[in-house]
Amino acid sequence: MIFSLDLIRKQLRDPPEEEDTYLQSLGLAAEQAFNNYTGRTLYSADADLTEAEENAIAVTEEIELGAAVLVAWLYENRDGDVGGDRLPVPTRLLWNPHRWLNV
């Protein structure tokens, strides 16, 4: 998982450790959501992107914070009954500058 479990746990104000596997799954889902939403391919901060595809991007603090917000939102709304199919507003605000517009 690219996103820090520690940051996710802090965003959720330290949930029980028994939830870590579930939180990691949500972190992977957030990574995929970032890729889908932005049209980018996300890599770890220390990845060498010299040979990567043109839309590659290394994780930044704002990308990771947007993911932590999304994971917390998914965690708090497990039943899926939240209405709409949009990302949380803070996540969109943090991820919008990274959208890949291939025109």
PDB file of N, CA and C in Angstrom:
ATOM      1  N   MET A   1       0.852  -1.178   0.000  1.00  0.00           N
ATOM      2  CA  MET A   1       0.000   0.000   0.000  1.00  0.00           C
ATOM      3  C   MET A   1       0.897   1.240   0.000  1.00  0.00           C
ATOM      4  N   ILE A   2       0.577   2.175  -0.854  1.00  0.00           N
ATOM      5  CA  ILE A   2       1.360   3.401  -0.969  1.00  0.00           C
ATOM      6  C   ILE A   2       1.095   4.333   0.205  1.00  0.00           C
ATOM      7  N   PHE A   3      -0.128   4.373   0.682  1.00  0.00           N
ATOM      8  CA  PHE A   3      -0.495   5.317   1.725  1.00  0.00           C
ATOM      9  C   PHE A   3      -0.110   4.801   3.107  1.00  0.00           C
ATOM     10  N   SER A   4       0.261   5.712   3.974  1.00  0.00           N
ATOM     11  CA  SER A   4       0.721   5.381   5.313  1.00  0.00           C
ATOM     12  C   SER A   4      -0.441   4.955   6.213  1.00  0.00           C
ATOM     13  N   LEU A   5      -0.311   3.754   6.773  1.00  0.00           N
ATOM     14  CA  LEU A   5      -1.320   3.280   7.718  1.00  0.00           C
ATOM     15  C   LEU A   5      -1.345   4.187   8.947  1.00  0.00           C
ATOM     16  N   ASP A   6      -0.196   4.710   9.344  1.00  0.00           N
ATOM     17  CA  ASP A   6      -0.151   5.615  10.503  1.00  0.00           C
ATOM     18  C   ASP A   6      -0.994   6.860  10.265  1.00  0.00           C
ATOM     19  N   LEU A   7      -0.892   7.464   9.069  1.00  0.00           N
ATOM     20  CA  LEU A   7      -1.681   8.651   8.769  1.00  0.00           C
ATOM     21  C   LEU A   7      -3.177   8.315   8.750  1.00  0.00           C
ATOM     22  N   ILE A   8      -3.511   7.169   8.173  1.00  0.00           N
ATOM     23  CA  ILE A   8      -4.912   6.746   8.139  1.00  0.00           C
ATOM     24  C   ILE A   8      -5.439   6.556   9.561  1.00  0.00           C
ATOM     25  N   ARG A   9      -4.636   5.921  10.412  1.00  0.00           N
ATOM     26  CA  ARG A   9      -5.052   5.709  11.805  1.00  0.00           C
ATOM     27  C   ARG A   9      -5.226   7.040  12.532  1.00  0.00           C
ATOM     28  N   LYS A  10      -4.344   8.000  12.259  1.00  0.00           N
ATOM     29  CA  LYS A  10      -4.481   9.322  12.883  1.00  0.00           C
ATOM     30  C   LYS A  10      -5.749  10.019  12.401  1.00  0.00           C
ATOM     31  N   GLN A  11      -6.041   9.910  11.121  1.00  0.00           N
ATOM     32  CA  GLN A  11      -7.252  10.522  10.576  1.00  0.00           C
ATOM     33  C   GLN A  11      -8.491   9.958  11.258  1.00  0.00           C
ATOM     34  N   LEU A  12      -8.439   8.689  11.599  1.00  0.00           N
ATOM     35  CA  LEU A  12      -9.568   8.026  12.262  1.00  0.00           C
ATOM     36  C   LEU A  12      -9.486   8.109  13.787  1.00  0.00           C
ATOM     37  N   ARG A  13      -8.501   8.817  14.279  1.00  0.00           N
ATOM     38  CA  ARG A  13      -8.280   8.971  15.722  1.00  0.00           C
ATOM     39  C   ARG A  13      -8.058   7.623  16.400  1.00  0.00           C
ATOM     40  N   ASP A  14      -7.107   6.866  15.841  1.00  0.00           N
ATOM     41  CA  ASP A  14      -6.641   5.596  16.398  1.00  0.00           C
ATOM     42  C   ASP A  14      -7.725   4.550  16.646  1.00  0.00           C
ATOM     43  N   PRO A  15      -8.253   3.977  15.562  1.00  0.00           N
ATOM     44  CA  PRO A  15      -9.215   2.876  15.724  1.00  0.00           C
ATOM     45  C   PRO A  15      -8.515   1.639  16.298  1.00  0.00           C
ATOM     46  N   PRO A  16      -9.264   0.638  16.704  1.00  0.00           N
ATOM     47  CA  PRO A  16      -8.653  -0.586  17.251  1.00  0.00           C
ATOM     48  C   PRO A  16      -7.695  -1.237  16.239  1.00  0.00           C
ATOM     49  N   GLU A  17      -6.612  -1.801  16.736  1.00  0.00           N
ATOM     50  CA  GLU A  17      -5.622  -2.442  15.864  1.00  0.00           C
ATOM     51  C   GLU A  17      -6.219  -3.602  15.065  1.00  0.00           C
ATOM     52  N   GLU A  18      -7.281  -4.189  15.560  1.00  0.00           N
ATOM     53  CA  GLU A  18      -7.937  -5.284  14.832  1.00  0.00           C
ATOM     54  C   GLU A  18      -8.462  -4.813  13.481  1.00  0.00           C
ATOM     55  N   GLU A  19      -8.599  -3.509  13.305  1.00  0.00           N
ATOM     56  CA  GLU A  19      -9.118  -2.939  12.060  1.00  0.00           C
ATOM     57  C   GLU A  19      -8.025  -2.695  11.016  1.00  0.00           C
ATOM     58  N   ASP A  20      -6.766  -2.927  11.352  1.00  0.00           N
ATOM     59  CA  ASP A  20      -5.661  -2.583  10.451  1.00  0.00           C
ATOM     60  C   ASP A  20      -5.749  -3.255   9.081  1.00  0.00           C
ATOM     61  N   THR A  21      -6.115  -4.518   9.046  1.00  0.00           N
ATOM     62  CA  THR A  21      -6.230  -5.210   7.758  1.00  0.00           C
ATOM     63  C   THR A  21      -7.315  -4.570   6.908  1.00  0.00           C
ATOM     64  N   TYR A  22      -8.425  -4.237   7.526  1.00  0.00           N
ATOM     65  CA  TYR A  22      -9.517  -3.562   6.818  1.00  0.00           C
ATOM     66  C   TYR A  22      -9.069  -2.178   6.344  1.00  0.00           C
ATOM     67  N   LEU A  23      -8.362  -1.453   7.192  1.00  0.00           N
ATOM     68  CA  LEU A  23      -7.865  -0.126   6.817  1.00  0.00           C
ATOM     69  C   LEU A  23      -6.878  -0.208   5.653  1.00  0.00           C
ATOM     70  N   GLN A  24      -6.059  -1.238   5.634  1.00  0.00           N
ATOM     71  CA  GLN A  24      -5.131  -1.424   4.513  1.00  0.00           C
ATOM     72  C   GLN A  24      -5.906  -1.694   3.222  1.00  0.00           C
ATOM     73  N   SER A  25      -6.961  -2.464   3.315  1.00  0.00           N
ATOM     74  CA  SER A  25      -7.813  -2.701   2.135  1.00  0.00           C
ATOM     75  C   SER A  25      -8.430  -1.401   1.651  1.00  0.00           C
ATOM     76  N   LEU A  26      -8.890  -0.577   2.583  1.00  0.00           N
ATOM     77  CA  LEU A  26      -9.446   0.721   2.205  1.00  0.00           C
ATOM     78  C   LEU A  26      -8.364   1.625   1.604  1.00  0.00           C
ATOM     79  N   GLY A  27      -7.145   1.515   2.111  1.00  0.00           N
ATOM     80  CA  GLY A  27      -6.034   2.282   1.552  1.00  0.00           C
ATOM     81  C   GLY A  27      -5.751   1.887   0.114  1.00  0.00           C
ATOM     82  N   LEU A  28      -5.806   0.601  -0.175  1.00  0.00           N
ATOM     83  CA  LEU A  28      -5.635   0.130  -1.560  1.00  0.00           C
ATOM     84  C   LEU A  28      -6.776   0.609  -2.438  1.00  0.00           C
ATOM     85  N   ALA A  29      -7.988   0.616  -1.893  1.00  0.00           N
ATOM     86  CA  ALA A  29      -9.134   1.134  -2.647  1.00  0.00           C
ATOM     87  C   ALA A  29      -8.959   2.629  -2.922  1.00  0.00           C
ATOM     88  N   ALA A  30      -8.429   3.370  -1.967  1.00  0.00           N
ATOM     89  CA  ALA A  30      -8.176   4.803  -2.156  1.00  0.00           C
ATOM     90  C   ALA A  30      -7.115   5.033  -3.228  1.00  0.00           C
ATOM     91  N   GLU A  31      -6.114   4.178  -3.264  1.00  0.00           N
ATOM     92  CA  GLU A  31      -5.084   4.266  -4.308  1.00  0.00           C
ATOM     93  C   GLU A  31      -5.714   4.089  -5.690  1.00  0.00           C
ATOM     94  N   GLN A  32      -6.571   3.102  -5.819  1.00  0.00           N
ATOM     95  CA  GLN A  32      -7.258   2.871  -7.090  1.00  0.00           C
ATOM     96  C   GLN A  32      -8.203   4.021  -7.420  1.00  0.00           C
ATOM     97  N   ALA A  33      -8.871   4.543  -6.395  1.00  0.00           N
ATOM     98  CA  ALA A  33      -9.766   5.690  -6.604  1.00  0.00           C
ATOM     99  C   ALA A  33      -8.978   6.894  -7.115  1.00  0.00           C
ATOM    100  N   PHE A  34      -7.778   7.114  -6.569  1.00  0.00           N
ATOM    101  CA  PHE A  34      -6.937   8.209  -7.054  1.00  0.00           C
ATOM    102  C   PHE A  34      -6.607   8.008  -8.528  1.00  0.00           C
ATOM    103  N   ASN A  35      -6.161   6.803  -8.872  1.00  0.00           N
ATOM    104  CA  ASN A  35      -5.809   6.514 -10.269  1.00  0.00           C
ATOM    105  C   ASN A  35      -7.003   6.736 -11.194  1.00  0.00           C
ATOM    106  N   ASN A  36      -8.165   6.253 -10.790  1.00  0.00           N
ATOM    107  CA  ASN A  36      -9.368   6.399 -11.614  1.00  0.00           C
ATOM    108  C   ASN A  36      -9.807   7.852 -11.723  1.00  0.00           C
ATOM    109  N   TYR A  37      -9.794   8.571 -10.608  1.00  0.00           N
ATOM    110  CA  TYR A  37     -10.278   9.947 -10.582  1.00  0.00           C
ATOM    111  C   TYR A  37      -9.352  10.891 -11.353  1.00  0.00           C
ATOM    112  N   THR A  38      -8.059  10.677 -11.224  1.00  0.00           N
ATOM    113  CA  THR A  38      -7.102  11.618 -11.825  1.00  0.00           C
ATOM    114  C   THR A  38      -6.610  11.191 -13.200  1.00  0.00           C
ATOM    115  N   GLY A  39      -6.786   9.924 -13.553  1.00  0.00           N
ATOM    116  CA  GLY A  39      -6.222   9.436 -14.805  1.00  0.00           C
ATOM    117  C   GLY A  39      -4.715   9.251 -14.716  1.00  0.00           C
ATOM    118  N   ARG A  40      -4.203   9.196 -13.514  1.00  0.00           N
ATOM    119  CA  ARG A  40      -2.773   9.042 -13.260  1.00  0.00           C
ATOM    120  C   ARG A  40      -2.480   7.622 -12.798  1.00  0.00           C
ATOM    121  N   THR A  41      -1.190   7.301 -12.739  1.00  0.00           N
ATOM    122  CA  THR A  41      -0.732   6.077 -12.110  1.00  0.00           C
ATOM    123  C   THR A  41       0.142   6.483 -10.946  1.00  0.00           C
ATOM    124  N   LEU A  42      -0.289   6.150  -9.741  1.00  0.00           N
ATOM    125  CA  LEU A  42       0.365   6.582  -8.520  1.00  0.00           C
ATOM    126  C   LEU A  42       1.492   5.630  -8.137  1.00  0.00           C
ATOM    127  N   TYR A  43       2.602   6.212  -7.730  1.00  0.00           N
ATOM    128  CA  TYR A  43       3.769   5.456  -7.268  1.00  0.00           C
ATOM    129  C   TYR A  43       4.184   5.962  -5.899  1.00  0.00           C
ATOM    130  N   SER A  44       4.993   5.177  -5.205  1.00  0.00           N
ATOM    131  CA  SER A  44       5.496   5.596  -3.900  1.00  0.00           C
ATOM    132  C   SER A  44       6.397   6.825  -4.066  1.00  0.00           C
ATOM    133  N   ALA A  45       6.604   7.539  -2.982  1.00  0.00           N
ATOM    134  CA  ALA A  45       7.373   8.789  -3.020  1.00  0.00           C
ATOM    135  C   ALA A  45       8.807   8.572  -3.475  1.00  0.00           C
ATOM    136  N   ASP A  46       9.368   7.412  -3.201  1.00  0.00           N
ATOM    137  CA  ASP A  46      10.773   7.163  -3.548  1.00  0.00           C
ATOM    138  C   ASP A  46      10.944   6.408  -4.870  1.00  0.00           C
ATOM    139  N   ALA A  47       9.887   6.254  -5.638  1.00  0.00           N
ATOM    140  CA  ALA A  47       9.968   5.526  -6.908  1.00  0.00           C
ATOM    141  C   ALA A  47      10.747   6.334  -7.953  1.00  0.00           C
ATOM    142  N   ASP A  48      11.481   5.627  -8.785  1.00  0.00           N
ATOM    143  CA  ASP A  48      12.192   6.248  -9.899  1.00  0.00           C
ATOM    144  C   ASP A  48      11.234   6.276 -11.089  1.00  0.00           C
ATOM    145  N   LEU A  49      10.805   7.463 -11.468  1.00  0.00           N
ATOM    146  CA  LEU A  49       9.803   7.603 -12.527  1.00  0.00           C
ATOM    147  C   LEU A  49      10.411   7.943 -13.889  1.00  0.00           C
ATOM    148  N   THR A  50      11.718   7.832 -14.019  1.00  0.00           N
ATOM    149  CA  THR A  50      12.356   8.212 -15.284  1.00  0.00           C
ATOM    150  C   THR A  50      11.896   7.349 -16.447  1.00  0.00           C
ATOM    151  N   GLU A  51      11.562   6.100 -16.204  1.00  0.00           N
ATOM    152  CA  GLU A  51      11.113   5.191 -17.259  1.00  0.00           C
ATOM    153  C   GLU A  51       9.608   4.911 -17.193  1.00  0.00           C
ATOM    154  N   ALA A  52       8.921   5.599 -16.288  1.00  0.00           N
ATOM    155  CA  ALA A  52       7.486   5.346 -16.084  1.00  0.00           C
ATOM    156  C   ALA A  52       6.664   5.998 -17.191  1.00  0.00           C
ATOM    157  N   GLU A  53       5.403   5.592 -17.274  1.00  0.00           N
ATOM    158  CA  GLU A  53       4.500   6.170 -18.264  1.00  0.00           C
ATOM    159  C   GLU A  53       4.335   7.676 -18.015  1.00  0.00           C
ATOM    160  N   GLU A  54       3.864   8.365 -19.025  1.00  0.00           N
ATOM    161  CA  GLU A  54       3.782   9.828 -18.994  1.00  0.00           C
ATOM    162  C   GLU A  54       2.875  10.357 -17.876  1.00  0.00           C
ATOM    163  N   ASN A  55       1.852   9.613 -17.527  1.00  0.00           N
ATOM    164  CA  ASN A  55       0.920  10.084 -16.508  1.00  0.00           C
ATOM    165  C   ASN A  55       1.298   9.639 -15.094  1.00  0.00           C
ATOM    166  N   ALA A  56       2.503   9.123 -14.916  1.00  0.00           N
ATOM    167  CA  ALA A  56       2.956   8.653 -13.604  1.00  0.00           C
ATOM    168  C   ALA A  56       3.144   9.839 -12.661  1.00  0.00           C
ATOM    169  N   ILE A  57       2.876   9.583 -11.385  1.00  0.00           N
ATOM    170  CA  ILE A  57       3.071  10.612 -10.368  1.00  0.00           C
ATOM    171  C   ILE A  57       3.446   9.933  -9.055  1.00  0.00           C
ATOM    172  N   ALA A  58       4.382  10.554  -8.340  1.00  0.00           N
ATOM    173  CA  ALA A  58       4.762  10.053  -7.018  1.00  0.00           C
ATOM    174  C   ALA A  58       3.829  10.666  -5.979  1.00  0.00           C
ATOM    175  N   VAL A  59       3.538   9.891  -4.968  1.00  0.00           N
ATOM    176  CA  VAL A  59       2.628  10.352  -3.919  1.00  0.00           C
ATOM    177  C   VAL A  59       3.215  11.584  -3.230  1.00  0.00           C
ATOM    178  N   THR A  60       2.344  12.542  -2.937  1.00  0.00           N
ATOM    179  CA  THR A  60       2.721  13.746  -2.199  1.00  0.00           C
ATOM    180  C   THR A  60       1.897  13.787  -0.920  1.00  0.00           C
ATOM    181  N   GLU A  61       2.215  14.741  -0.056  1.00  0.00           N
ATOM    182  CA  GLU A  61       1.444  14.864   1.188  1.00  0.00           C
ATOM    183  C   GLU A  61      -0.024  15.144   0.914  1.00  0.00           C
ATOM    184  N   GLU A  62      -0.299  16.020  -0.059  1.00  0.00           N
ATOM    185  CA  GLU A  62      -1.705  16.345  -0.307  1.00  0.00           C
ATOM    186  C   GLU A  62      -2.456  15.169  -0.923  1.00  0.00           C
ATOM    187  N   ILE A  63      -1.798  14.376  -1.738  1.00  0.00           N
ATOM    188  CA  ILE A  63      -2.440  13.177  -2.284  1.00  0.00           C
ATOM    189  C   ILE A  63      -2.733  12.199  -1.151  1.00  0.00           C
ATOM    190  N   GLU A  64      -1.762  12.023  -0.268  1.00  0.00           N
ATOM    191  CA  GLU A  64      -1.938  11.091   0.841  1.00  0.00           C
ATOM    192  C   GLU A  64      -3.006  11.580   1.822  1.00  0.00           C
ATOM    193  N   LEU A  65      -3.045  12.876   2.065  1.00  0.00           N
ATOM    194  CA  LEU A  65      -4.074  13.409   2.959  1.00  0.00           C
ATOM    195  C   LEU A  65      -5.464  13.230   2.354  1.00  0.00           C
ATOM    196  N   GLY A  66      -5.594  13.462   1.047  1.00  0.00           N
ATOM    197  CA  GLY A  66      -6.872  13.212   0.374  1.00  0.00           C
ATOM    198  C   GLY A  66      -7.287  11.758   0.501  1.00  0.00           C
ATOM    199  N   ALA A  67      -6.318  10.857   0.413  1.00  0.00           N
ATOM    200  CA  ALA A  67      -6.607   9.426   0.572  1.00  0.00           C
ATOM    201  C   ALA A  67      -7.037   9.113   2.004  1.00  0.00           C
ATOM    202  N   ALA A  68      -6.377   9.734   2.986  1.00  0.00           N
ATOM    203  CA  ALA A  68      -6.741   9.495   4.389  1.00  0.00           C
ATOM    204  C   ALA A  68      -8.173   9.952   4.656  1.00  0.00           C
ATOM    205  N   VAL A  69      -8.560  11.088   4.080  1.00  0.00           N
ATOM    206  CA  VAL A  69      -9.937  11.573   4.219  1.00  0.00           C
ATOM    207  C   VAL A  69     -10.904  10.577   3.580  1.00  0.00           C
ATOM    208  N   LEU A  70     -10.559  10.095   2.393  1.00  0.00           N
ATOM    209  CA  LEU A  70     -11.418   9.132   1.712  1.00  0.00           C
ATOM    210  C   LEU A  70     -11.540   7.836   2.513  1.00  0.00           C
ATOM    211  N   VAL A  71     -10.428   7.331   3.025  1.00  0.00           N
ATOM    212  CA  VAL A  71     -10.469   6.102   3.819  1.00  0.00           C
ATOM    213  C   VAL A  71     -11.336   6.301   5.060  1.00  0.00           C
ATOM    214  N   ALA A  72     -11.184   7.430   5.733  1.00  0.00           N
ATOM    215  CA  ALA A  72     -12.006   7.699   6.921  1.00  0.00           C
ATOM    216  C   ALA A  72     -13.483   7.763   6.550  1.00  0.00           C
ATOM    217  N   TRP A  73     -13.786   8.376   5.424  1.00  0.00           N
ATOM    218  CA  TRP A  73     -15.169   8.471   4.951  1.00  0.00           C
ATOM    219  C   TRP A  73     -15.733   7.080   4.652  1.00  0.00           C
ATOM    220  N   LEU A  74     -14.926   6.246   3.975  1.00  0.00           N
ATOM    221  CA  LEU A  74     -15.366   4.880   3.681  1.00  0.00           C
ATOM    222  C   LEU A  74     -15.540   4.070   4.964  1.00  0.00           C
ATOM    223  N   TYR A  75     -14.637   4.250   5.896  1.00  0.00           N
ATOM    224  CA  TYR A  75     -14.680   3.530   7.168  1.00  0.00           C
ATOM    225  C   TYR A  75     -15.936   3.909   7.963  1.00  0.00           C
ATOM    226  N   GLU A  76     -16.234   5.191   8.000  1.00  0.00           N
ATOM    227  CA  GLU A  76     -17.384   5.667   8.771  1.00  0.00           C
ATOM    228  C   GLU A  76     -18.712   5.374   8.078  1.00  0.00           C
ATOM    229  N   ASN A  77     -18.674   5.110   6.796  1.00  0.00           N
ATOM    230  CA  ASN A  77     -19.902   4.865   6.021  1.00  0.00           C
ATOM    231  C   ASN A  77     -19.868   3.466   5.399  1.00  0.00           C
ATOM    232  N   ARG A  78     -19.518   2.480   6.181  1.00  0.00           N
ATOM    233  CA  ARG A  78     -19.378   1.108   5.692  1.00  0.00           C
ATOM    234  C   ARG A  78     -20.627   0.558   5.043  1.00  0.00           C
ATOM    235  N   ASP A  79     -21.761   0.993   5.536  1.00  0.00           N
ATOM    236  CA  ASP A  79     -23.004   0.441   5.008  1.00  0.00           C
ATOM    237  C   ASP A  79     -23.303   0.967   3.610  1.00  0.00           C
ATOM    238  N   GLY A  80     -22.577   1.987   3.163  1.00  0.00           N
ATOM    239  CA  GLY A  80     -22.736   2.490   1.811  1.00  0.00           C
ATOM    240  C   GLY A  80     -23.939   3.379   1.605  1.00  0.00           C
ATOM    241  N   ASP A  81     -24.674   3.660   2.643  1.00  0.00           N
ATOM    242  CA  ASP A  81     -25.890   4.459   2.514  1.00  0.00           C
ATOM    243  C   ASP A  81     -25.583   5.937   2.761  1.00  0.00           C
ATOM    244  N   VAL A  82     -24.845   6.549   1.824  1.00  0.00           N
ATOM    245  CA  VAL A  82     -24.469   7.953   1.987  1.00  0.00           C
ATOM    246  C   VAL A  82     -25.024   8.829   0.875  1.00  0.00           C
ATOM    247  N   GLY A  83     -25.600   8.228  -0.125  1.00  0.00           N
ATOM    248  CA  GLY A  83     -26.174   8.997  -1.228  1.00  0.00           C
ATOM    249  C   GLY A  83     -25.109   9.521  -2.163  1.00  0.00           C
ATOM    250  N   GLY A  84     -25.390   9.481  -3.427  1.00  0.00           N
ATOM    251  CA  GLY A  84     -24.450   9.988  -4.419  1.00  0.00           C
ATOM    252  C   GLY A  84     -23.272   9.052  -4.631  1.00  0.00           C
ATOM    253  N   ASP A  85     -22.472   9.385  -5.625  1.00  0.00           N
ATOM    254  CA  ASP A  85     -21.322   8.538  -5.955  1.00  0.00           C
ATOM    255  C   ASP A  85     -20.046   9.374  -6.050  1.00  0.00           C
ATOM    256  N   ARG A  86     -20.017  10.501  -5.351  1.00  0.00           N
ATOM    257  CA  ARG A  86     -18.889  11.407  -5.447  1.00  0.00           C
ATOM    258  C   ARG A  86     -17.924  11.193  -4.299  1.00  0.00           C
ATOM    259  N   LEU A  87     -16.697  11.601  -4.544  1.00  0.00           N
ATOM    260  CA  LEU A  87     -15.686  11.580  -3.493  1.00  0.00           C
ATOM    261  C   LEU A  87     -15.992  12.675  -2.476  1.00  0.00           C
ATOM    262  N   PRO A  88     -15.504  12.524  -1.243  1.00  0.00           N
ATOM    263  CA  PRO A  88     -15.680  13.604  -0.270  1.00  0.00           C
ATOM    264  C   PRO A  88     -15.032  14.891  -0.789  1.00  0.00           C
ATOM    265  N   VAL A  89     -15.621  16.024  -0.470  1.00  0.00           N
ATOM    266  CA  VAL A  89     -15.141  17.313  -0.976  1.00  0.00           C
ATOM    267  C   VAL A  89     -13.662  17.543  -0.663  1.00  0.00           C
ATOM    268  N   PRO A  90     -13.184  17.305   0.573  1.00  0.00           N
ATOM    269  CA  PRO A  90     -11.756  17.537   0.817  1.00  0.00           C
ATOM    270  C   PRO A  90     -10.850  16.678  -0.074  1.00  0.00           C
ATOM    271  N   THR A  91     -11.262  15.457  -0.336  1.00  0.00           N
ATOM    272  CA  THR A  91     -10.467  14.588  -1.209  1.00  0.00           C
ATOM    273  C   THR A  91     -10.410  15.169  -2.609  1.00  0.00           C
ATOM    274  N   ARG A  92     -11.543  15.596  -3.137  1.00  0.00           N
ATOM    275  CA  ARG A  92     -11.553  16.193  -4.478  1.00  0.00           C
ATOM    276  C   ARG A  92     -10.691  17.450  -4.536  1.00  0.00           C
ATOM    277  N   LEU A  93     -10.790  18.300  -3.508  1.00  0.00           N
ATOM    278  CA  LEU A  93      -9.995  19.530  -3.494  1.00  0.00           C
ATOM    279  C   LEU A  93      -8.493  19.228  -3.486  1.00  0.00           C
ATOM    280  N   LEU A  94      -8.108  18.191  -2.773  1.00  0.00           N
ATOM    281  CA  LEU A  94      -6.692  17.827  -2.698  1.00  0.00           C
ATOM    282  C   LEU A  94      -6.202  17.098  -3.948  1.00  0.00           C
ATOM    283  N   TRP A  95      -7.084  16.381  -4.613  1.00  0.00           N
ATOM    284  CA  TRP A  95      -6.681  15.595  -5.783  1.00  0.00           C
ATOM    285  C   TRP A  95      -6.884  16.323  -7.110  1.00  0.00           C
ATOM    286  N   ASN A  96      -7.778  17.303  -7.169  1.00  0.00           N
ATOM    287  CA  ASN A  96      -8.049  17.990  -8.437  1.00  0.00           C
ATOM    288  C   ASN A  96      -6.808  18.529  -9.145  1.00  0.00           C
ATOM    289  N   PRO A  97      -5.856  19.139  -8.438  1.00  0.00           N
ATOM    290  CA  PRO A  97      -4.685  19.673  -9.145  1.00  0.00           C
ATOM    291  C   PRO A  97      -3.845  18.606  -9.845  1.00  0.00           C
ATOM    292  N   HIS A  98      -4.064  17.352  -9.517  1.00  0.00           N
ATOM    293  CA  HIS A  98      -3.254  16.261 -10.071  1.00  0.00           C
ATOM    294  C   HIS A  98      -3.955  15.510 -11.200  1.00  0.00           C
ATOM    295  N   ARG A  99      -5.124  15.982 -11.599  1.00  0.00           N
ATOM    296  CA  ARG A  99      -5.861  15.288 -12.674  1.00  0.00           C
ATOM    297  C   ARG A  99      -5.087  15.404 -13.986  1.00  0.00           C
ATOM    298  N   TRP A 100      -5.090  14.329 -14.711  1.00  0.00           N
ATOM    299  CA  TRP A 100      -4.384  14.226 -15.983  1.00  0.00           C
ATOM    300  C   TRP A 100      -5.385  14.493 -17.088  1.00  0.00           C
ATOM    301  N   LEU A 101      -5.235  15.613 -17.751  1.00  0.00           N
ATOM    302  CA  LEU A 101      -6.125  15.961 -18.852  1.00  0.00           C
ATOM    303  C   LEU A 101      -5.355  15.786 -20.148  1.00  0.00           C
ATOM    304  N   ASN A 102      -5.522  14.650 -20.745  1.00  0.00           N
ATOM    305  CA  ASN A 102      -4.796  14.299 -21.960  1.00  0.00           C
ATOM    306  C   ASN A 102      -5.633  14.728 -23.161  1.00  0.00           C
ATOM    307  N   VAL A 103      -5.427  15.945 -23.609  1.00  0.00           N
ATOM    308  CA  VAL A 103      -6.212  16.480 -24.741  1.00  0.00           C
ATOM    309  C   VAL A 103      -5.397  16.559 -26.002  1.00  0.00           C
TER     310      VAL A 103
END
